[in-house]
N, C-alpha and C. Protein backbone atom coordinates (compact mmCIF):
# COMPACT_ATOMS: atom_id res chain seq x y z
N MET A 1 183.65 110.48 217.94
CA MET A 1 183.21 111.83 218.32
C MET A 1 182.52 112.51 217.15
N SER A 2 181.39 113.14 217.39
CA SER A 2 180.64 113.82 216.34
C SER A 2 181.36 115.09 215.91
N ILE A 3 181.25 115.41 214.64
CA ILE A 3 181.80 116.66 214.13
C ILE A 3 180.64 117.50 213.59
N PRO A 4 180.84 118.81 213.44
CA PRO A 4 179.74 119.67 212.96
C PRO A 4 179.20 119.20 211.61
N ILE A 5 177.89 119.27 211.48
CA ILE A 5 177.23 118.86 210.24
C ILE A 5 176.68 120.10 209.54
N ALA A 6 177.04 120.25 208.27
CA ALA A 6 176.52 121.35 207.46
C ALA A 6 175.18 120.94 206.87
N ILE A 7 174.15 121.76 207.07
CA ILE A 7 172.82 121.51 206.51
C ILE A 7 172.58 122.52 205.40
N VAL A 8 172.37 122.02 204.19
CA VAL A 8 172.25 122.89 203.02
C VAL A 8 170.88 123.54 202.98
N ASP A 9 170.87 124.87 203.00
CA ASP A 9 169.63 125.64 202.90
C ASP A 9 169.51 126.19 201.48
N TYR A 10 168.69 125.50 200.68
CA TYR A 10 168.44 125.97 199.31
C TYR A 10 166.95 126.29 199.13
N GLY A 11 166.25 126.46 200.26
CA GLY A 11 164.85 126.86 200.22
C GLY A 11 163.87 125.73 200.09
N HIS A 12 164.31 124.47 200.28
CA HIS A 12 163.43 123.33 200.08
C HIS A 12 163.60 122.27 201.17
N GLY A 13 163.55 122.65 202.45
CA GLY A 13 163.77 121.61 203.44
C GLY A 13 163.21 121.94 204.81
N ASN A 14 163.06 120.88 205.62
CA ASN A 14 162.62 121.04 207.01
C ASN A 14 163.85 121.32 207.88
N LEU A 15 164.42 122.50 207.70
CA LEU A 15 165.70 122.81 208.33
C LEU A 15 165.60 122.85 209.85
N GLY A 16 164.57 123.53 210.35
CA GLY A 16 164.43 123.68 211.79
C GLY A 16 164.29 122.35 212.50
N SER A 17 163.49 121.45 211.93
CA SER A 17 163.26 120.14 212.55
C SER A 17 164.54 119.31 212.60
N ILE A 18 165.31 119.35 211.51
CA ILE A 18 166.57 118.60 211.48
C ILE A 18 167.55 119.19 212.49
N MET A 19 167.66 120.51 212.53
CA MET A 19 168.58 121.15 213.46
C MET A 19 168.19 120.84 214.90
N ASN A 20 166.90 120.88 215.21
CA ASN A 20 166.45 120.61 216.56
C ASN A 20 166.79 119.19 217.00
N MET A 21 166.63 118.23 216.09
CA MET A 21 166.93 116.85 216.47
C MET A 21 168.43 116.66 216.67
N LEU A 22 169.24 117.28 215.82
CA LEU A 22 170.70 117.18 216.00
C LEU A 22 171.13 117.84 217.31
N LYS A 23 170.48 118.94 217.66
CA LYS A 23 170.81 119.61 218.93
C LYS A 23 170.43 118.73 220.12
N LYS A 24 169.31 118.02 220.02
CA LYS A 24 168.92 117.09 221.09
C LYS A 24 169.97 116.00 221.26
N LEU A 25 170.61 115.64 220.16
CA LEU A 25 171.67 114.64 220.21
C LEU A 25 172.98 115.21 220.73
N GLY A 26 173.01 116.54 220.90
CA GLY A 26 174.25 117.19 221.31
C GLY A 26 175.25 117.31 220.19
N ASN A 27 174.75 117.22 218.95
CA ASN A 27 175.65 117.29 217.80
C ASN A 27 175.65 118.70 217.21
N PRO A 28 176.81 119.32 217.06
CA PRO A 28 176.86 120.66 216.47
C PRO A 28 176.48 120.62 215.00
N CYS A 29 175.74 121.64 214.56
CA CYS A 29 175.34 121.74 213.16
C CYS A 29 175.19 123.20 212.80
N TYR A 30 175.20 123.48 211.51
CA TYR A 30 175.06 124.86 211.06
C TYR A 30 174.43 124.89 209.69
N LEU A 31 173.66 125.96 209.43
CA LEU A 31 173.02 126.13 208.13
C LEU A 31 174.00 126.73 207.13
N VAL A 32 173.92 126.26 205.90
CA VAL A 32 174.78 126.75 204.83
C VAL A 32 173.89 127.40 203.77
N THR A 33 174.07 128.69 203.55
CA THR A 33 173.30 129.41 202.54
C THR A 33 174.17 129.84 201.37
N ASP A 34 175.48 129.67 201.49
CA ASP A 34 176.43 130.06 200.46
C ASP A 34 177.34 128.86 200.17
N PRO A 35 177.53 128.50 198.90
CA PRO A 35 178.35 127.33 198.58
C PRO A 35 179.77 127.40 199.13
N ASP A 36 180.30 128.60 199.32
CA ASP A 36 181.65 128.72 199.88
C ASP A 36 181.71 128.16 201.30
N GLN A 37 180.58 128.19 201.99
CA GLN A 37 180.53 127.67 203.35
C GLN A 37 180.64 126.14 203.39
N LEU A 38 180.46 125.50 202.25
CA LEU A 38 180.55 124.04 202.19
C LEU A 38 181.97 123.54 201.98
N LYS A 39 182.85 124.42 201.59
CA LYS A 39 184.19 123.97 201.17
C LYS A 39 184.95 123.27 202.29
N CYS A 40 184.68 123.64 203.54
CA CYS A 40 185.37 123.02 204.67
C CYS A 40 184.49 122.01 205.41
N ALA A 41 183.30 121.75 204.88
CA ALA A 41 182.37 120.85 205.56
C ALA A 41 182.92 119.42 205.59
N GLU A 42 182.75 118.75 206.73
CA GLU A 42 183.20 117.37 206.89
C GLU A 42 182.04 116.38 206.86
N LYS A 43 180.82 116.90 207.04
CA LYS A 43 179.61 116.09 206.88
C LYS A 43 178.51 117.02 206.40
N ILE A 44 177.63 116.50 205.54
CA ILE A 44 176.61 117.35 204.91
C ILE A 44 175.27 116.63 204.93
N ILE A 45 174.21 117.38 205.26
CA ILE A 45 172.84 116.89 205.09
C ILE A 45 172.17 117.76 204.03
N LEU A 46 171.58 117.09 203.04
CA LEU A 46 170.83 117.76 201.98
C LEU A 46 169.35 117.44 202.18
N PRO A 47 168.60 118.31 202.86
CA PRO A 47 167.18 118.05 203.09
C PRO A 47 166.37 118.34 201.82
N GLY A 48 165.07 118.13 201.89
CA GLY A 48 164.29 118.47 200.71
C GLY A 48 162.82 118.14 200.83
N VAL A 49 161.98 119.09 200.45
CA VAL A 49 160.55 118.87 200.27
C VAL A 49 160.15 119.61 198.99
N GLY A 50 159.12 119.10 198.31
CA GLY A 50 158.67 119.76 197.10
C GLY A 50 159.00 118.98 195.84
N ALA A 51 158.99 119.68 194.71
CA ALA A 51 159.13 119.06 193.40
C ALA A 51 160.59 118.94 192.98
N PHE A 52 160.88 117.91 192.21
CA PHE A 52 162.24 117.60 191.78
C PHE A 52 162.86 118.76 190.99
N ASP A 53 162.18 119.24 189.95
CA ASP A 53 162.76 120.28 189.10
C ASP A 53 163.04 121.57 189.87
N SER A 54 162.11 121.99 190.72
CA SER A 54 162.33 123.22 191.46
C SER A 54 163.46 123.06 192.47
N GLY A 55 163.58 121.87 193.03
CA GLY A 55 164.66 121.61 193.98
C GLY A 55 166.02 121.66 193.34
N ILE A 56 166.20 120.93 192.23
CA ILE A 56 167.51 120.92 191.57
C ILE A 56 167.81 122.27 190.95
N ARG A 57 166.78 122.99 190.51
CA ARG A 57 167.00 124.34 189.97
C ARG A 57 167.51 125.28 191.06
N ALA A 58 166.94 125.18 192.24
CA ALA A 58 167.40 126.04 193.34
C ALA A 58 168.84 125.70 193.73
N ILE A 59 169.17 124.42 193.75
CA ILE A 59 170.54 124.01 194.06
C ILE A 59 171.52 124.57 193.03
N THR A 60 171.13 124.49 191.76
CA THR A 60 172.00 124.97 190.69
C THR A 60 172.13 126.48 190.70
N GLU A 61 171.00 127.18 190.81
CA GLU A 61 171.02 128.65 190.76
C GLU A 61 171.77 129.26 191.93
N ARG A 62 171.76 128.57 193.07
CA ARG A 62 172.45 129.09 194.26
C ARG A 62 173.91 128.64 194.33
N GLY A 63 174.36 127.92 193.30
CA GLY A 63 175.77 127.56 193.21
C GLY A 63 176.19 126.33 193.98
N PHE A 64 175.22 125.53 194.45
CA PHE A 64 175.56 124.37 195.26
C PHE A 64 175.91 123.13 194.44
N ARG A 65 175.45 123.06 193.22
CA ARG A 65 175.54 121.82 192.46
C ARG A 65 176.98 121.29 192.36
N GLU A 66 177.87 122.07 191.81
CA GLU A 66 179.24 121.61 191.58
C GLU A 66 179.98 121.37 192.90
N VAL A 67 179.69 122.21 193.90
CA VAL A 67 180.35 122.04 195.19
C VAL A 67 179.91 120.72 195.84
N LEU A 68 178.63 120.41 195.80
CA LEU A 68 178.14 119.16 196.37
C LEU A 68 178.75 117.96 195.66
N ILE A 69 178.82 118.01 194.35
CA ILE A 69 179.41 116.90 193.59
C ILE A 69 180.87 116.71 193.96
N LYS A 70 181.61 117.81 194.07
CA LYS A 70 183.03 117.73 194.43
C LYS A 70 183.21 117.19 195.84
N LYS A 71 182.41 117.69 196.79
CA LYS A 71 182.54 117.22 198.17
C LYS A 71 182.27 115.72 198.27
N ALA A 72 181.29 115.24 197.50
CA ALA A 72 180.92 113.83 197.57
C ALA A 72 181.89 112.93 196.82
N THR A 73 182.35 113.36 195.64
CA THR A 73 183.15 112.48 194.79
C THR A 73 184.65 112.63 194.99
N THR A 74 185.13 113.85 195.14
CA THR A 74 186.57 114.09 195.28
C THR A 74 187.01 114.07 196.73
N ASP A 75 186.28 114.79 197.57
CA ASP A 75 186.66 114.90 198.98
C ASP A 75 186.13 113.74 199.82
N LYS A 76 185.20 112.98 199.28
CA LYS A 76 184.62 111.81 199.96
C LYS A 76 183.99 112.16 201.31
N VAL A 77 183.33 113.31 201.35
CA VAL A 77 182.65 113.75 202.56
C VAL A 77 181.32 113.00 202.69
N PRO A 78 180.98 112.48 203.86
CA PRO A 78 179.68 111.84 204.04
C PRO A 78 178.54 112.82 203.76
N LEU A 79 177.64 112.40 202.89
CA LEU A 79 176.52 113.24 202.47
C LEU A 79 175.24 112.45 202.65
N LEU A 80 174.25 113.05 203.33
CA LEU A 80 172.96 112.40 203.56
C LEU A 80 171.86 113.21 202.92
N GLY A 81 171.17 112.63 201.92
CA GLY A 81 170.01 113.26 201.31
C GLY A 81 168.74 112.78 201.99
N VAL A 82 167.81 113.70 202.28
CA VAL A 82 166.57 113.37 202.99
C VAL A 82 165.38 113.69 202.10
N CYS A 83 164.52 112.69 201.85
CA CYS A 83 163.30 112.82 201.05
C CYS A 83 163.64 113.34 199.64
N LEU A 84 163.22 114.56 199.29
CA LEU A 84 163.59 115.10 197.98
C LEU A 84 165.10 115.16 197.84
N GLY A 85 165.80 115.42 198.95
CA GLY A 85 167.26 115.44 198.92
C GLY A 85 167.85 114.11 198.48
N MET A 86 167.21 113.00 198.84
CA MET A 86 167.64 111.69 198.35
C MET A 86 167.36 111.55 196.87
N GLN A 87 166.17 111.96 196.42
CA GLN A 87 165.82 111.82 195.01
C GLN A 87 166.77 112.62 194.12
N ILE A 88 167.20 113.78 194.59
CA ILE A 88 168.10 114.64 193.84
C ILE A 88 169.47 114.00 193.65
N LEU A 89 169.82 113.03 194.52
CA LEU A 89 171.10 112.35 194.37
C LEU A 89 171.17 111.52 193.11
N GLY A 90 170.01 111.16 192.54
CA GLY A 90 169.98 110.32 191.36
C GLY A 90 170.15 111.10 190.06
N LYS A 91 169.86 110.43 188.96
CA LYS A 91 170.07 111.04 187.64
C LYS A 91 168.90 111.91 187.20
N ASN A 92 167.67 111.44 187.42
CA ASN A 92 166.50 112.20 186.99
C ASN A 92 165.25 111.65 187.66
N SER A 93 164.10 112.24 187.30
CA SER A 93 162.84 111.83 187.91
C SER A 93 161.71 111.98 186.91
N GLU A 94 160.70 111.11 187.02
CA GLU A 94 159.50 111.25 186.20
C GLU A 94 158.73 112.51 186.56
N GLU A 95 159.08 113.14 187.67
CA GLU A 95 158.38 114.34 188.10
C GLU A 95 158.76 115.56 187.27
N GLY A 96 159.89 115.50 186.56
CA GLY A 96 160.33 116.66 185.80
C GLY A 96 161.32 116.29 184.71
N ASN A 97 162.00 117.30 184.19
CA ASN A 97 162.92 117.11 183.07
C ASN A 97 164.37 117.42 183.41
N SER A 98 164.63 117.87 184.63
CA SER A 98 165.97 118.28 185.01
C SER A 98 166.84 117.08 185.35
N GLN A 99 168.15 117.30 185.30
CA GLN A 99 169.11 116.28 185.68
C GLN A 99 169.49 116.44 187.14
N GLY A 100 169.48 115.34 187.88
CA GLY A 100 169.90 115.36 189.28
C GLY A 100 171.41 115.44 189.41
N LEU A 101 171.90 115.22 190.61
CA LEU A 101 173.34 115.30 190.86
C LEU A 101 174.09 114.10 190.31
N GLY A 102 173.40 112.99 190.09
CA GLY A 102 174.04 111.82 189.49
C GLY A 102 175.05 111.13 190.40
N LEU A 103 174.89 111.26 191.71
CA LEU A 103 175.83 110.66 192.65
C LEU A 103 175.51 109.19 192.92
N VAL A 104 174.28 108.79 192.68
CA VAL A 104 173.86 107.40 192.79
C VAL A 104 173.09 107.06 191.51
N ALA A 105 173.49 105.98 190.86
CA ALA A 105 172.86 105.61 189.58
C ALA A 105 171.43 105.15 189.81
N GLY A 106 170.48 105.93 189.30
CA GLY A 106 169.09 105.58 189.45
C GLY A 106 168.20 106.77 189.12
N HIS A 107 166.91 106.55 189.12
CA HIS A 107 165.96 107.61 188.81
C HIS A 107 164.69 107.39 189.64
N CYS A 108 163.82 108.37 189.63
CA CYS A 108 162.62 108.32 190.47
C CYS A 108 161.37 108.08 189.63
N ARG A 109 160.51 107.22 190.15
CA ARG A 109 159.24 106.91 189.50
C ARG A 109 158.08 107.28 190.42
N ARG A 110 156.95 107.58 189.82
CA ARG A 110 155.75 107.92 190.58
C ARG A 110 155.00 106.65 190.97
N PHE A 111 154.44 106.64 192.17
CA PHE A 111 153.55 105.55 192.56
C PHE A 111 152.34 105.54 191.63
N LEU A 112 152.00 104.39 191.10
CA LEU A 112 150.84 104.24 190.23
C LEU A 112 149.98 103.09 190.75
N PHE A 113 148.71 103.37 190.99
CA PHE A 113 147.78 102.36 191.47
C PHE A 113 146.50 102.38 190.63
N ASP A 114 145.81 101.27 190.63
CA ASP A 114 144.54 101.20 189.91
C ASP A 114 143.56 102.23 190.48
N PRO A 115 142.66 102.76 189.63
CA PRO A 115 141.71 103.79 190.09
C PRO A 115 140.93 103.41 191.34
N GLY A 116 140.60 102.13 191.50
CA GLY A 116 139.82 101.70 192.65
C GLY A 116 140.64 101.34 193.87
N SER A 117 141.94 101.52 193.79
CA SER A 117 142.82 101.12 194.89
C SER A 117 142.57 101.98 196.13
N ARG A 118 142.72 101.36 197.30
CA ARG A 118 142.61 102.11 198.55
C ARG A 118 143.88 102.90 198.83
N LEU A 119 144.94 102.61 198.08
CA LEU A 119 146.21 103.31 198.28
C LEU A 119 146.19 104.64 197.55
N LYS A 120 146.52 105.69 198.26
CA LYS A 120 146.49 107.04 197.70
C LYS A 120 147.89 107.59 197.52
N VAL A 121 147.99 108.55 196.64
CA VAL A 121 149.24 109.26 196.39
C VAL A 121 149.02 110.73 196.75
N PRO A 122 149.87 111.32 197.60
CA PRO A 122 151.13 110.77 198.09
C PRO A 122 150.95 109.71 199.18
N HIS A 123 151.98 108.88 199.32
CA HIS A 123 152.08 107.98 200.46
C HIS A 123 152.45 108.83 201.66
N MET A 124 151.62 108.78 202.68
CA MET A 124 151.84 109.63 203.85
C MET A 124 151.56 108.84 205.11
N GLY A 125 152.56 108.75 205.99
CA GLY A 125 152.37 108.06 207.26
C GLY A 125 153.56 107.21 207.63
N TRP A 126 153.37 106.41 208.69
CA TRP A 126 154.43 105.57 209.23
C TRP A 126 154.48 104.23 208.50
N SER A 127 155.69 103.78 208.21
CA SER A 127 155.87 102.48 207.56
C SER A 127 157.11 101.80 208.13
N GLU A 128 157.04 100.47 208.18
CA GLU A 128 158.21 99.71 208.58
C GLU A 128 159.24 99.72 207.47
N VAL A 129 160.50 99.67 207.87
CA VAL A 129 161.63 99.68 206.94
C VAL A 129 162.49 98.45 207.20
N ILE A 130 162.91 97.79 206.16
CA ILE A 130 163.77 96.61 206.29
C ILE A 130 165.17 96.96 205.77
N PRO A 131 166.13 97.15 206.69
CA PRO A 131 167.49 97.49 206.25
C PRO A 131 168.21 96.27 205.70
N SER A 132 169.19 96.50 204.84
CA SER A 132 170.07 95.43 204.41
C SER A 132 170.99 95.06 205.57
N GLN A 133 171.67 93.93 205.47
CA GLN A 133 172.45 93.42 206.58
C GLN A 133 173.58 94.37 206.99
N ASP A 134 174.16 95.07 206.02
CA ASP A 134 175.30 95.94 206.32
C ASP A 134 174.94 97.42 206.22
N ALA A 135 173.68 97.77 206.50
CA ALA A 135 173.22 99.15 206.40
C ALA A 135 173.71 99.95 207.61
N THR A 136 174.76 100.72 207.42
CA THR A 136 175.44 101.42 208.51
C THR A 136 174.52 102.34 209.29
N LEU A 137 173.67 103.09 208.60
CA LEU A 137 172.83 104.08 209.27
C LEU A 137 171.81 103.45 210.21
N PHE A 138 171.55 102.15 210.07
CA PHE A 138 170.51 101.50 210.87
C PHE A 138 171.09 100.67 212.01
N ASN A 139 172.40 100.77 212.22
CA ASN A 139 173.04 100.00 213.29
C ASN A 139 172.43 100.32 214.66
N GLY A 140 172.05 99.28 215.39
CA GLY A 140 171.57 99.46 216.75
C GLY A 140 170.17 100.00 216.87
N ILE A 141 169.47 100.19 215.77
CA ILE A 141 168.10 100.72 215.82
C ILE A 141 167.12 99.57 216.08
N GLU A 142 166.21 99.82 217.00
CA GLU A 142 165.22 98.82 217.39
C GLU A 142 164.49 98.26 216.17
N LYS A 143 164.30 96.95 216.14
CA LYS A 143 163.64 96.30 215.01
C LYS A 143 162.22 95.89 215.38
N PRO A 144 161.28 96.00 214.43
CA PRO A 144 161.46 96.60 213.10
C PRO A 144 161.39 98.12 213.18
N PRO A 145 162.32 98.82 212.55
CA PRO A 145 162.27 100.29 212.59
C PRO A 145 161.10 100.83 211.80
N ARG A 146 160.51 101.92 212.29
CA ARG A 146 159.38 102.56 211.61
C ARG A 146 159.71 104.04 211.42
N PHE A 147 159.45 104.53 210.22
CA PHE A 147 159.77 105.92 209.91
C PHE A 147 158.58 106.60 209.24
N TYR A 148 158.60 107.93 209.27
CA TYR A 148 157.50 108.71 208.72
C TYR A 148 157.82 109.14 207.29
N PHE A 149 156.90 108.84 206.37
CA PHE A 149 157.07 109.12 204.94
C PHE A 149 156.03 110.13 204.46
N VAL A 150 156.43 110.97 203.53
CA VAL A 150 155.51 111.80 202.74
C VAL A 150 156.12 111.92 201.36
N HIS A 151 155.60 111.16 200.38
CA HIS A 151 156.20 111.20 199.04
C HIS A 151 155.27 110.58 198.01
N SER A 152 155.40 111.08 196.79
CA SER A 152 154.65 110.56 195.65
C SER A 152 155.55 109.79 194.68
N TYR A 153 156.85 109.95 194.85
CA TYR A 153 157.84 109.31 193.97
C TYR A 153 158.80 108.49 194.81
N TYR A 154 159.38 107.46 194.20
CA TYR A 154 160.33 106.61 194.90
C TYR A 154 161.56 106.39 194.02
N PHE A 155 162.67 106.12 194.65
CA PHE A 155 163.95 105.96 193.96
C PHE A 155 164.10 104.53 193.45
N GLU A 156 164.51 104.40 192.22
CA GLU A 156 164.76 103.09 191.63
C GLU A 156 166.24 103.00 191.29
N CYS A 157 166.98 102.16 192.01
CA CYS A 157 168.43 102.04 191.82
C CYS A 157 168.75 101.19 190.59
N ASN A 158 169.79 101.58 189.88
CA ASN A 158 170.29 100.76 188.78
C ASN A 158 170.97 99.50 189.30
N SER A 159 171.59 99.62 190.48
CA SER A 159 172.32 98.50 191.07
C SER A 159 171.75 98.16 192.43
N GLN A 160 171.48 96.88 192.66
CA GLN A 160 170.95 96.43 193.93
C GLN A 160 171.93 96.71 195.07
N SER A 161 173.21 96.80 194.76
CA SER A 161 174.21 97.04 195.80
C SER A 161 174.08 98.42 196.43
N ASP A 162 173.36 99.34 195.77
CA ASP A 162 173.16 100.68 196.31
C ASP A 162 171.93 100.78 197.21
N VAL A 163 171.15 99.70 197.30
CA VAL A 163 169.94 99.69 198.12
C VAL A 163 170.32 99.40 199.57
N ASP A 164 170.01 100.33 200.46
CA ASP A 164 170.35 100.18 201.88
C ASP A 164 169.17 99.69 202.71
N ALA A 165 167.96 99.97 202.23
CA ALA A 165 166.76 99.53 202.96
C ALA A 165 165.57 99.61 202.01
N ILE A 166 164.56 98.80 202.30
CA ILE A 166 163.34 98.82 201.51
C ILE A 166 162.14 99.01 202.44
N SER A 167 161.04 99.45 201.86
CA SER A 167 159.77 99.53 202.56
C SER A 167 158.70 99.07 201.59
N SER A 168 157.44 99.18 201.97
CA SER A 168 156.37 98.69 201.11
C SER A 168 155.19 99.64 201.13
N TYR A 169 154.68 99.94 199.93
CA TYR A 169 153.43 100.67 199.77
C TYR A 169 152.82 100.17 198.47
N GLY A 170 151.96 99.19 198.58
CA GLY A 170 151.47 98.48 197.40
C GLY A 170 152.48 97.44 196.97
N ASN A 171 153.66 97.87 196.63
CA ASN A 171 154.80 97.01 196.31
C ASN A 171 156.01 97.50 197.10
N SER A 172 157.03 96.67 197.15
CA SER A 172 158.24 97.10 197.84
C SER A 172 158.95 98.17 197.02
N TYR A 173 159.61 99.10 197.69
CA TYR A 173 160.36 100.16 197.03
C TYR A 173 161.55 100.52 197.90
N VAL A 174 162.48 101.27 197.34
CA VAL A 174 163.71 101.64 198.03
C VAL A 174 163.42 102.75 199.05
N ALA A 175 163.76 102.48 200.31
CA ALA A 175 163.56 103.45 201.37
C ALA A 175 164.86 104.17 201.76
N ALA A 176 166.00 103.55 201.45
CA ALA A 176 167.29 104.16 201.77
C ALA A 176 168.34 103.64 200.79
N ILE A 177 169.31 104.48 200.50
CA ILE A 177 170.38 104.13 199.57
C ILE A 177 171.73 104.46 200.18
N GLN A 178 172.77 103.77 199.71
CA GLN A 178 174.14 104.11 200.06
C GLN A 178 175.05 103.72 198.91
N ARG A 179 175.89 104.65 198.53
CA ARG A 179 176.95 104.38 197.58
C ARG A 179 178.22 105.02 198.13
N GLY A 180 179.03 104.21 198.82
CA GLY A 180 180.23 104.74 199.45
C GLY A 180 179.88 105.71 200.56
N ASN A 181 180.30 106.95 200.40
CA ASN A 181 180.05 107.99 201.40
C ASN A 181 178.74 108.75 201.16
N VAL A 182 177.98 108.35 200.15
CA VAL A 182 176.73 109.03 199.81
C VAL A 182 175.54 108.20 200.30
N PHE A 183 174.69 108.81 201.14
CA PHE A 183 173.55 108.14 201.73
C PHE A 183 172.27 108.90 201.38
N GLY A 184 171.16 108.18 201.36
CA GLY A 184 169.88 108.84 201.16
C GLY A 184 168.78 108.08 201.87
N VAL A 185 167.81 108.82 202.43
CA VAL A 185 166.64 108.20 203.04
C VAL A 185 165.39 108.87 202.48
N GLN A 186 164.42 108.05 202.07
CA GLN A 186 163.19 108.60 201.51
C GLN A 186 162.27 109.16 202.59
N PHE A 187 162.39 108.64 203.78
CA PHE A 187 161.55 109.09 204.90
C PHE A 187 162.15 110.34 205.56
N HIS A 188 161.42 110.84 206.55
CA HIS A 188 161.87 112.02 207.29
C HIS A 188 162.35 111.60 208.68
N PRO A 189 163.65 111.44 208.89
CA PRO A 189 164.13 111.07 210.22
C PRO A 189 163.80 112.12 211.27
N GLU A 190 163.74 113.39 210.85
CA GLU A 190 163.46 114.47 211.80
C GLU A 190 162.02 114.44 212.31
N LYS A 191 161.16 113.60 211.68
CA LYS A 191 159.77 113.45 212.13
C LYS A 191 159.50 112.03 212.64
N SER A 192 160.55 111.26 212.82
CA SER A 192 160.40 109.83 213.11
C SER A 192 160.83 109.45 214.53
N HIS A 193 160.74 110.40 215.44
CA HIS A 193 160.95 110.15 216.88
C HIS A 193 162.24 109.38 217.14
N LYS A 194 162.17 108.34 217.96
CA LYS A 194 163.40 107.65 218.39
C LYS A 194 164.12 106.97 217.23
N PHE A 195 163.37 106.49 216.25
CA PHE A 195 164.01 105.83 215.12
C PHE A 195 164.84 106.82 214.31
N GLY A 196 164.23 107.98 214.05
CA GLY A 196 164.94 109.01 213.30
C GLY A 196 166.11 109.58 214.08
N MET A 197 165.93 109.73 215.39
CA MET A 197 167.01 110.26 216.22
C MET A 197 168.21 109.32 216.20
N ASN A 198 167.96 108.02 216.30
CA ASN A 198 169.05 107.06 216.28
C ASN A 198 169.74 107.01 214.93
N LEU A 199 168.96 107.17 213.85
CA LEU A 199 169.58 107.18 212.53
C LEU A 199 170.47 108.41 212.37
N LEU A 200 170.00 109.58 212.80
CA LEU A 200 170.82 110.78 212.71
C LEU A 200 172.04 110.69 213.63
N ARG A 201 171.90 110.02 214.76
CA ARG A 201 173.06 109.79 215.62
C ARG A 201 174.10 108.94 214.89
N ASN A 202 173.65 107.89 214.22
CA ASN A 202 174.57 107.05 213.45
C ASN A 202 175.29 107.85 212.39
N PHE A 203 174.56 108.74 211.70
CA PHE A 203 175.20 109.56 210.67
C PHE A 203 176.21 110.51 211.30
N SER A 204 175.85 111.13 212.42
CA SER A 204 176.73 112.09 213.05
C SER A 204 178.00 111.45 213.57
N GLU A 205 177.93 110.17 213.95
CA GLU A 205 179.09 109.47 214.48
C GLU A 205 179.82 108.65 213.42
N LEU A 206 179.36 108.76 212.17
CA LEU A 206 179.91 107.95 211.08
C LEU A 206 181.37 108.24 210.84
N GLN A 207 182.13 107.16 210.67
CA GLN A 207 183.54 107.26 210.31
C GLN A 207 183.79 106.33 209.14
N LEU A 208 184.15 106.90 208.01
CA LEU A 208 184.38 106.09 206.80
C LEU A 208 185.88 105.98 206.52
């Protein structure tokens, strides 16, 4: 049975789109604008669009940083980071100088291509994703799953065991991560039609 999902509103996310998709699934959800509202949360989505430094600064200034770390590490609450929200789960990024939440060992690198390459940055559009064999969030999703991406940076895990799925843009890169109860997806499930809906359904029904 699905339980209410707290969606963190720190000024950097596609909140309406995520809420609408969860409502289509019949899953209760609510926006969190105050860190005290997270204390009783049993599942959390950390959305994100924009730059790494401004995102983590907003999380810190609004008092979410320590609460998110405690919920993920001490309370073992399932946490899903989306796009920038996934990147913030790591230690740092080439995009800025700030420290991320450090919930998954890794950092973010910028896509770099030769000047004459047909590949442009940001990477924008639909791409196939290859999940690992035990990738919980991708259970039952039609193969090959395709998701919508918009990003200039990608997550590089320190440990291969934290890689939940890969995709390709010039070279292969990490499309999804999992470390225990902490999950992240580089793509936007809320813009990925049936594939994204099924992934969010899996998260909403997750039991760890």
